[in-house]
PDB file of N, CA and C in Angstrom:
ATOM      1  N   MET A   1     224.583 151.050  54.174  1.00  0.00           N
ATOM      2  CA  MET A   1     223.423 150.475  53.786  1.00  0.00           C
ATOM      3  C   MET A   1     222.173 151.023  54.354  1.00  0.00           C
ATOM      4  N   THR A   2     221.063 151.311  53.738  1.00  0.00           N
ATOM      5  CA  THR A   2     219.932 151.982  54.468  1.00  0.00           C
ATOM      6  C   THR A   2     219.028 150.895  54.649  1.00  0.00           C
ATOM      7  N   ASN A   3     217.781 151.178  55.424  1.00  0.00           N
ATOM      8  CA  ASN A   3     216.612 150.246  55.674  1.00  0.00           C
ATOM      9  C   ASN A   3     216.282 149.744  54.306  1.00  0.00           C
ATOM     10  N   THR A   4     216.016 150.420  53.289  1.00  0.00           N
ATOM     11  CA  THR A   4     215.383 150.330  51.982  1.00  0.00           C
ATOM     12  C   THR A   4     216.212 149.322  51.213  1.00  0.00           C
ATOM     13  N   ASP A   5     217.553 149.385  51.512  1.00  0.00           N
ATOM     14  CA  ASP A   5     218.501 148.492  50.756  1.00  0.00           C
ATOM     15  C   ASP A   5     218.530 147.061  51.151  1.00  0.00           C
ATOM     16  N   THR A   6     217.931 146.968  52.513  1.00  0.00           N
ATOM     17  CA  THR A   6     218.112 145.626  53.166  1.00  0.00           C
ATOM     18  C   THR A   6     217.122 144.533  52.223  1.00  0.00           C
ATOM     19  N   ASN A   7     217.727 143.367  51.966  1.00  0.00           N
ATOM     20  CA  ASN A   7     216.700 142.385  51.329  1.00  0.00           C
ATOM     21  C   ASN A   7     216.874 141.254  52.284  1.00  0.00           C
ATOM     22  N   THR A   8     216.082 139.974  52.077  1.00  0.00           N
ATOM     23  CA  THR A   8     216.080 139.109  52.655  1.00  0.00           C
ATOM     24  C   THR A   8     217.409 138.186  52.988  1.00  0.00           C
ATOM     25  N   ALA A   9     218.057 138.082  51.873  1.00  0.00           N
ATOM     26  CA  ALA A   9     219.450 137.527  51.905  1.00  0.00           C
ATOM     27  C   ALA A   9     220.528 138.070  52.830  1.00  0.00           C
ATOM     28  N   THR A  10     220.590 139.550  52.832  1.00  0.00           N
ATOM     29  CA  THR A  10     221.534 140.188  53.732  1.00  0.00           C
ATOM     30  C   THR A  10     220.899 139.989  55.050  1.00  0.00           C
ATOM     31  N   ALA A  11     219.774 140.253  55.183  1.00  0.00           N
ATOM     32  CA  ALA A  11     219.093 140.160  56.606  1.00  0.00           C
ATOM     33  C   ALA A  11     219.273 138.681  57.172  1.00  0.00           C
ATOM     34  N   THR A  12     219.100 137.668  56.436  1.00  0.00           N
ATOM     35  CA  THR A  12     219.427 136.143  56.959  1.00  0.00           C
ATOM     36  C   THR A  12     220.717 136.045  57.259  1.00  0.00           C
ATOM     37  N   ASN A  13     221.746 136.646  56.501  1.00  0.00           N
ATOM     38  CA  ASN A  13     222.998 136.335  56.813  1.00  0.00           C
ATOM     39  C   ASN A  13     223.506 137.016  58.140  1.00  0.00           C
ATOM     40  N   THR A  14     222.819 138.070  58.672  1.00  0.00           N
ATOM     41  CA  THR A  14     223.079 138.765  59.875  1.00  0.00           C
ATOM     42  C   THR A  14     222.203 138.056  60.907  1.00  0.00           C
ATOM     43  N   GLY A  15     221.403 137.327  60.724  1.00  0.00           N
ATOM     44  CA  GLY A  15     220.679 136.568  61.674  1.00  0.00           C
ATOM     45  C   GLY A  15     219.465 137.426  62.362  1.00  0.00           C
ATOM     46  N   PHE A  16     219.173 138.535  61.592  1.00  0.00           N
ATOM     47  CA  PHE A  16     218.058 139.295  61.910  1.00  0.00           C
ATOM     48  C   PHE A  16     216.681 138.761  61.869  1.00  0.00           C
ATOM     49  N   VAL A  17     216.422 137.958  60.791  1.00  0.00           N
ATOM     50  CA  VAL A  17     215.175 137.381  60.503  1.00  0.00           C
ATOM     51  C   VAL A  17     214.994 136.456  61.762  1.00  0.00           C
ATOM     52  N   GLU A  18     215.945 135.528  61.815  1.00  0.00           N
ATOM     53  CA  GLU A  18     215.938 134.418  62.860  1.00  0.00           C
ATOM     54  C   GLU A  18     215.643 134.738  64.092  1.00  0.00           C
ATOM     55  N   ALA A  19     216.313 135.958  64.596  1.00  0.00           N
ATOM     56  CA  ALA A  19     215.930 136.707  65.896  1.00  0.00           C
ATOM     57  C   ALA A  19     214.668 137.131  65.911  1.00  0.00           C
ATOM     58  N   ALA A  20     214.107 137.795  64.874  1.00  0.00           N
ATOM     59  CA  ALA A  20     212.694 138.351  65.062  1.00  0.00           C
ATOM     60  C   ALA A  20     211.815 137.158  65.144  1.00  0.00           C
ATOM     61  N   GLN A  21     211.757 136.079  64.336  1.00  0.00           N
ATOM     62  CA  GLN A  21     211.149 134.863  64.313  1.00  0.00           C
ATOM     63  C   GLN A  21     211.004 134.203  65.688  1.00  0.00           C
ATOM     64  N   ALA A  22     212.228 134.049  66.316  1.00  0.00           N
ATOM     65  CA  ALA A  22     212.457 133.822  67.687  1.00  0.00           C
ATOM     66  C   ALA A  22     211.388 134.546  68.620  1.00  0.00           C
ATOM     67  N   ALA A  23     211.647 135.759  68.602  1.00  0.00           N
ATOM     68  CA  ALA A  23     210.989 136.661  69.400  1.00  0.00           C
ATOM     69  C   ALA A  23     209.579 136.650  69.391  1.00  0.00           C
ATOM     70  N   ALA A  24     209.277 136.499  68.063  1.00  0.00           N
ATOM     71  CA  ALA A  24     207.847 136.344  67.761  1.00  0.00           C
ATOM     72  C   ALA A  24     206.979 135.052  68.238  1.00  0.00           C
ATOM     73  N   ALA A  25     207.929 133.878  68.296  1.00  0.00           N
ATOM     74  CA  ALA A  25     207.485 132.694  68.776  1.00  0.00           C
ATOM     75  C   ALA A  25     207.420 132.766  70.156  1.00  0.00           C
ATOM     76  N   LEU A  26     208.139 133.443  70.754  1.00  0.00           N
ATOM     77  CA  LEU A  26     208.039 133.615  72.481  1.00  0.00           C
ATOM     78  C   LEU A  26     207.030 134.525  72.718  1.00  0.00           C
ATOM     79  N   HIS A  27     206.574 135.683  72.002  1.00  0.00           N
ATOM     80  CA  HIS A  27     205.508 136.578  72.229  1.00  0.00           C
ATOM     81  C   HIS A  27     204.360 135.818  71.947  1.00  0.00           C
ATOM     82  N   ASP A  28     204.297 134.852  71.090  1.00  0.00           N
ATOM     83  CA  ASP A  28     202.933 134.284  70.592  1.00  0.00           C
ATOM     84  C   ASP A  28     202.261 133.244  71.543  1.00  0.00           C
ATOM     85  N   THR A  29     202.834 133.062  72.573  1.00  0.00           N
ATOM     86  CA  THR A  29     202.249 131.777  73.688  1.00  0.00           C
ATOM     87  C   THR A  29     201.200 132.341  74.177  1.00  0.00           C
ATOM     88  N   GLY A  30     200.262 131.712  74.197  1.00  0.00           N
ATOM     89  CA  GLY A  30     198.896 131.932  75.100  1.00  0.00           C
ATOM     90  C   GLY A  30     198.086 132.910  74.133  1.00  0.00           C
ATOM     91  N   SER A  31     198.284 133.129  73.099  1.00  0.00           N
ATOM     92  CA  SER A  31     197.661 134.249  72.263  1.00  0.00           C
ATOM     93  C   SER A  31     196.249 133.616  71.722  1.00  0.00           C
ATOM     94  N   LYS A  32     196.104 132.388  71.657  1.00  0.00           N
ATOM     95  CA  LYS A  32     194.829 131.716  71.312  1.00  0.00           C
ATOM     96  C   LYS A  32     193.835 131.865  72.316  1.00  0.00           C
ATOM     97  N   LYS A  33     194.329 131.732  73.644  1.00  0.00           N
ATOM     98  CA  LYS A  33     193.437 131.733  74.678  1.00  0.00           C
ATOM     99  C   LYS A  33     193.045 133.277  74.988  1.00  0.00           C
ATOM    100  N   LYS A  34     193.767 134.129  74.704  1.00  0.00           N
ATOM    101  CA  LYS A  34     193.551 135.459  74.996  1.00  0.00           C
ATOM    102  C   LYS A  34     192.690 135.986  73.858  1.00  0.00           C
ATOM    103  N   GLY A  35     192.827 135.413  72.521  1.00  0.00           N
ATOM    104  CA  GLY A  35     191.967 135.662  71.584  1.00  0.00           C
ATOM    105  C   GLY A  35     190.333 135.325  71.802  1.00  0.00           C
ATOM    106  N   LYS A  36     190.335 133.934  72.354  1.00  0.00           N
ATOM    107  CA  LYS A  36     188.932 133.648  72.669  1.00  0.00           C
ATOM    108  C   LYS A  36     188.278 134.167  73.754  1.00  0.00           C
ATOM    109  N   ALA A  37     188.947 134.631  74.724  1.00  0.00           N
ATOM    110  CA  ALA A  37     188.535 135.357  75.852  1.00  0.00           C
ATOM    111  C   ALA A  37     187.960 136.885  75.278  1.00  0.00           C
ATOM    112  N   ARG A  38     188.876 137.341  74.552  1.00  0.00           N
ATOM    113  CA  ARG A  38     188.541 138.621  73.845  1.00  0.00           C
ATOM    114  C   ARG A  38     187.350 138.658  73.089  1.00  0.00           C
ATOM    115  N   ARG A  39     187.333 137.377  72.086  1.00  0.00           N
ATOM    116  CA  ARG A  39     186.088 137.354  71.284  1.00  0.00           C
ATOM    117  C   ARG A  39     184.764 137.145  72.101  1.00  0.00           C
ATOM    118  N   ARG A  40     184.964 136.434  73.138  1.00  0.00           N
ATOM    119  CA  ARG A  40     183.919 136.005  74.247  1.00  0.00           C
ATOM    120  C   ARG A  40     183.162 137.246  74.861  1.00  0.00           C
ATOM    121  N   THR A  41     184.274 138.117  75.244  1.00  0.00           N
ATOM    122  CA  THR A  41     183.865 139.261  75.895  1.00  0.00           C
ATOM    123  C   THR A  41     183.258 140.169  74.831  1.00  0.00           C
ATOM    124  N   ALA A  42     183.846 140.285  73.781  1.00  0.00           N
ATOM    125  CA  ALA A  42     183.190 141.113  72.728  1.00  0.00           C
ATOM    126  C   ALA A  42     181.655 140.893  72.347  1.00  0.00           C
ATOM    127  N   LYS A  43     181.499 139.570  72.236  1.00  0.00           N
ATOM    128  CA  LYS A  43     180.220 138.844  72.049  1.00  0.00           C
ATOM    129  C   LYS A  43     179.143 139.284  73.097  1.00  0.00           C
ATOM    130  N   ALA A  44     179.628 139.178  74.465  1.00  0.00           N
ATOM    131  CA  ALA A  44     178.829 139.574  75.443  1.00  0.00           C
ATOM    132  C   ALA A  44     178.308 140.925  75.423  1.00  0.00           C
ATOM    133  N   LEU A  45     179.430 141.665  75.126  1.00  0.00           N
ATOM    134  CA  LEU A  45     179.075 143.190  75.264  1.00  0.00           C
ATOM    135  C   LEU A  45     178.321 143.623  74.100  1.00  0.00           C
ATOM    136  N   ALA A  46     178.081 142.854  73.012  1.00  0.00           N
ATOM    137  CA  ALA A  46     177.534 143.008  71.744  1.00  0.00           C
ATOM    138  C   ALA A  46     175.951 142.820  72.040  1.00  0.00           C
ATOM    139  N   CYS A  47     175.932 141.529  72.805  1.00  0.00           N
ATOM    140  CA  CYS A  47     174.546 141.144  72.917  1.00  0.00           C
ATOM    141  C   CYS A  47     174.032 142.035  74.126  1.00  0.00           C
ATOM    142  N   PHE A  48     174.690 142.594  75.217  1.00  0.00           N
ATOM    143  CA  PHE A  48     174.213 143.319  75.981  1.00  0.00           C
ATOM    144  C   PHE A  48     173.630 144.605  75.553  1.00  0.00           C
ATOM    145  N   ALA A  49     174.589 145.158  74.544  1.00  0.00           N
ATOM    146  CA  ALA A  49     174.190 146.482  74.060  1.00  0.00           C
ATOM    147  C   ALA A  49     172.978 146.240  73.211  1.00  0.00           C
ATOM    148  N   LEU A  50     172.919 145.184  72.361  1.00  0.00           N
ATOM    149  CA  LEU A  50     171.619 144.895  71.668  1.00  0.00           C
ATOM    150  C   LEU A  50     170.362 144.714  72.527  1.00  0.00           C
ATOM    151  N   ILE A  51     170.382 143.920  73.494  1.00  0.00           N
ATOM    152  CA  ILE A  51     169.408 143.896  74.392  1.00  0.00           C
ATOM    153  C   ILE A  51     168.835 145.119  75.171  1.00  0.00           C
ATOM    154  N   SER A  52     169.856 145.813  75.494  1.00  0.00           N
ATOM    155  CA  SER A  52     169.408 147.151  76.144  1.00  0.00           C
ATOM    156  C   SER A  52     168.999 148.129  75.183  1.00  0.00           C
ATOM    157  N   THR A  53     169.535 148.264  74.017  1.00  0.00           N
ATOM    158  CA  THR A  53     168.980 149.178  72.974  1.00  0.00           C
ATOM    159  C   THR A  53     167.485 148.614  72.841  1.00  0.00           C
ATOM    160  N   GLY A  54     167.277 147.346  72.599  1.00  0.00           N
ATOM    161  CA  GLY A  54     165.888 146.810  72.281  1.00  0.00           C
ATOM    162  C   GLY A  54     164.754 147.344  73.291  1.00  0.00           C
ATOM    163  N   LEU A  55     165.362 147.113  74.551  1.00  0.00           N
ATOM    164  CA  LEU A  55     164.481 147.649  75.977  1.00  0.00           C
ATOM    165  C   LEU A  55     164.257 149.058  75.722  1.00  0.00           C
ATOM    166  N   LEU A  56     165.182 149.887  75.549  1.00  0.00           N
ATOM    167  CA  LEU A  56     165.105 151.429  75.523  1.00  0.00           C
ATOM    168  C   LEU A  56     164.068 151.605  74.247  1.00  0.00           C
ATOM    169  N   VAL A  57     164.143 151.009  72.993  1.00  0.00           N
ATOM    170  CA  VAL A  57     163.493 151.323  72.163  1.00  0.00           C
ATOM    171  C   VAL A  57     161.929 150.973  72.255  1.00  0.00           C
ATOM    172  N   LEU A  58     161.721 149.744  72.970  1.00  0.00           N
ATOM    173  CA  LEU A  58     160.458 149.270  73.467  1.00  0.00           C
ATOM    174  C   LEU A  58     159.797 150.205  74.258  1.00  0.00           C
ATOM    175  N   ALA A  59     160.549 150.996  75.352  1.00  0.00           N
ATOM    176  CA  ALA A  59     160.213 151.847  76.324  1.00  0.00           C
ATOM    177  C   ALA A  59     159.861 153.092  75.631  1.00  0.00           C
ATOM    178  N   GLU A  60     160.773 153.677  74.708  1.00  0.00           N
ATOM    179  CA  GLU A  60     160.587 154.970  74.193  1.00  0.00           C
ATOM    180  C   GLU A  60     160.878 154.773  72.707  1.00  0.00           C
ATOM    181  N   PRO A  61     159.861 154.594  71.679  1.00  0.00           N
ATOM    182  CA  PRO A  61     160.262 154.321  70.452  1.00  0.00           C
ATOM    183  C   PRO A  61     161.056 155.508  69.706  1.00  0.00           C
ATOM    184  N   TRP A  62     161.043 156.531  70.124  1.00  0.00           N
ATOM    185  CA  TRP A  62     161.769 157.688  69.584  1.00  0.00           C
ATOM    186  C   TRP A  62     163.405 157.454  69.551  1.00  0.00           C
ATOM    187  N   LEU A  63     163.700 156.588  70.674  1.00  0.00           N
ATOM    188  CA  LEU A  63     165.068 156.446  70.780  1.00  0.00           C
ATOM    189  C   LEU A  63     165.714 155.655  69.523  1.00  0.00           C
ATOM    190  N   LEU A  64     164.932 155.071  68.708  1.00  0.00           N
ATOM    191  CA  LEU A  64     165.482 154.400  67.688  1.00  0.00           C
ATOM    192  C   LEU A  64     166.288 155.215  66.631  1.00  0.00           C
ATOM    193  N   LEU A  65     165.857 156.514  66.556  1.00  0.00           N
ATOM    194  CA  LEU A  65     166.592 157.420  65.568  1.00  0.00           C
ATOM    195  C   LEU A  65     167.876 157.500  65.950  1.00  0.00           C
ATOM    196  N   PRO A  66     168.320 157.793  67.114  1.00  0.00           N
ATOM    197  CA  PRO A  66     169.878 157.935  67.264  1.00  0.00           C
ATOM    198  C   PRO A  66     170.455 156.565  67.155  1.00  0.00           C
ATOM    199  N   VAL A  67     169.961 155.514  67.244  1.00  0.00           N
ATOM    200  CA  VAL A  67     170.453 154.242  67.028  1.00  0.00           C
ATOM    201  C   VAL A  67     170.592 153.866  65.553  1.00  0.00           C
ATOM    202  N   ALA A  68     169.505 154.322  64.737  1.00  0.00           N
ATOM    203  CA  ALA A  68     169.644 154.223  63.199  1.00  0.00           C
ATOM    204  C   ALA A  68     170.757 155.099  62.850  1.00  0.00           C
ATOM    205  N   VAL A  69     170.874 156.244  63.249  1.00  0.00           N
ATOM    206  CA  VAL A  69     171.979 157.183  62.988  1.00  0.00           C
ATOM    207  C   VAL A  69     173.532 156.644  63.111  1.00  0.00           C
ATOM    208  N   LEU A  70     173.539 156.024  64.352  1.00  0.00           N
ATOM    209  CA  LEU A  70     174.777 155.388  64.688  1.00  0.00           C
ATOM    210  C   LEU A  70     175.180 154.166  63.771  1.00  0.00           C
ATOM    211  N   VAL A  71     173.885 153.364  63.494  1.00  0.00           N
ATOM    212  CA  VAL A  71     174.372 152.236  62.663  1.00  0.00           C
ATOM    213  C   VAL A  71     174.606 152.641  61.267  1.00  0.00           C
ATOM    214  N   LEU A  72     174.014 153.664  60.756  1.00  0.00           N
ATOM    215  CA  LEU A  72     174.291 154.214  59.436  1.00  0.00           C
ATOM    216  C   LEU A  72     175.715 154.810  59.362  1.00  0.00           C
ATOM    217  N   ALA A  73     176.225 155.442  60.455  1.00  0.00           N
ATOM    218  CA  ALA A  73     177.541 156.107  60.459  1.00  0.00           C
ATOM    219  C   ALA A  73     178.523 154.949  60.456  1.00  0.00           C
ATOM    220  N   ILE A  74     178.401 153.919  61.064  1.00  0.00           N
ATOM    221  CA  ILE A  74     179.254 152.813  61.465  1.00  0.00           C
ATOM    222  C   ILE A  74     179.531 152.157  60.011  1.00  0.00           C
ATOM    223  N   ALA A  75     178.299 152.023  59.269  1.00  0.00           N
ATOM    224  CA  ALA A  75     178.238 151.326  57.996  1.00  0.00           C
ATOM    225  C   ALA A  75     179.155 152.122  56.790  1.00  0.00           C
ATOM    226  N   LEU A  76     178.878 153.662  56.970  1.00  0.00           N
ATOM    227  CA  LEU A  76     179.575 154.393  55.834  1.00  0.00           C
ATOM    228  C   LEU A  76     181.040 154.663  56.174  1.00  0.00           C
ATOM    229  N   TRP A  77     181.549 154.197  57.461  1.00  0.00           N
ATOM    230  CA  TRP A  77     182.812 154.347  57.924  1.00  0.00           C
ATOM    231  C   TRP A  77     183.760 153.608  56.946  1.00  0.00           C
ATOM    232  N   ASP A  78     184.748 154.231  56.485  1.00  0.00           N
ATOM    233  CA  ASP A  78     185.773 153.795  55.517  1.00  0.00           C
ATOM    234  C   ASP A  78     187.152 153.587  56.432  1.00  0.00           C
TER     235      ASP A  78
END
């Protein structure tokens, strides 16, 4: 039997699905705390980048051009 021939019924009979779910449950402990910390860090970095970019643009207005190009590139990214 190949990997593509395996269906849920045969996988359940071998205990593969249960073992995968048990492993996922063990691995999932504390993921909410990690997710909150990661989002908080990302938000802080985004705010820092925005503030520093704003200060640089106030100091030298021509620096807005590379920032605008970067924002456009990110917006067009597929």
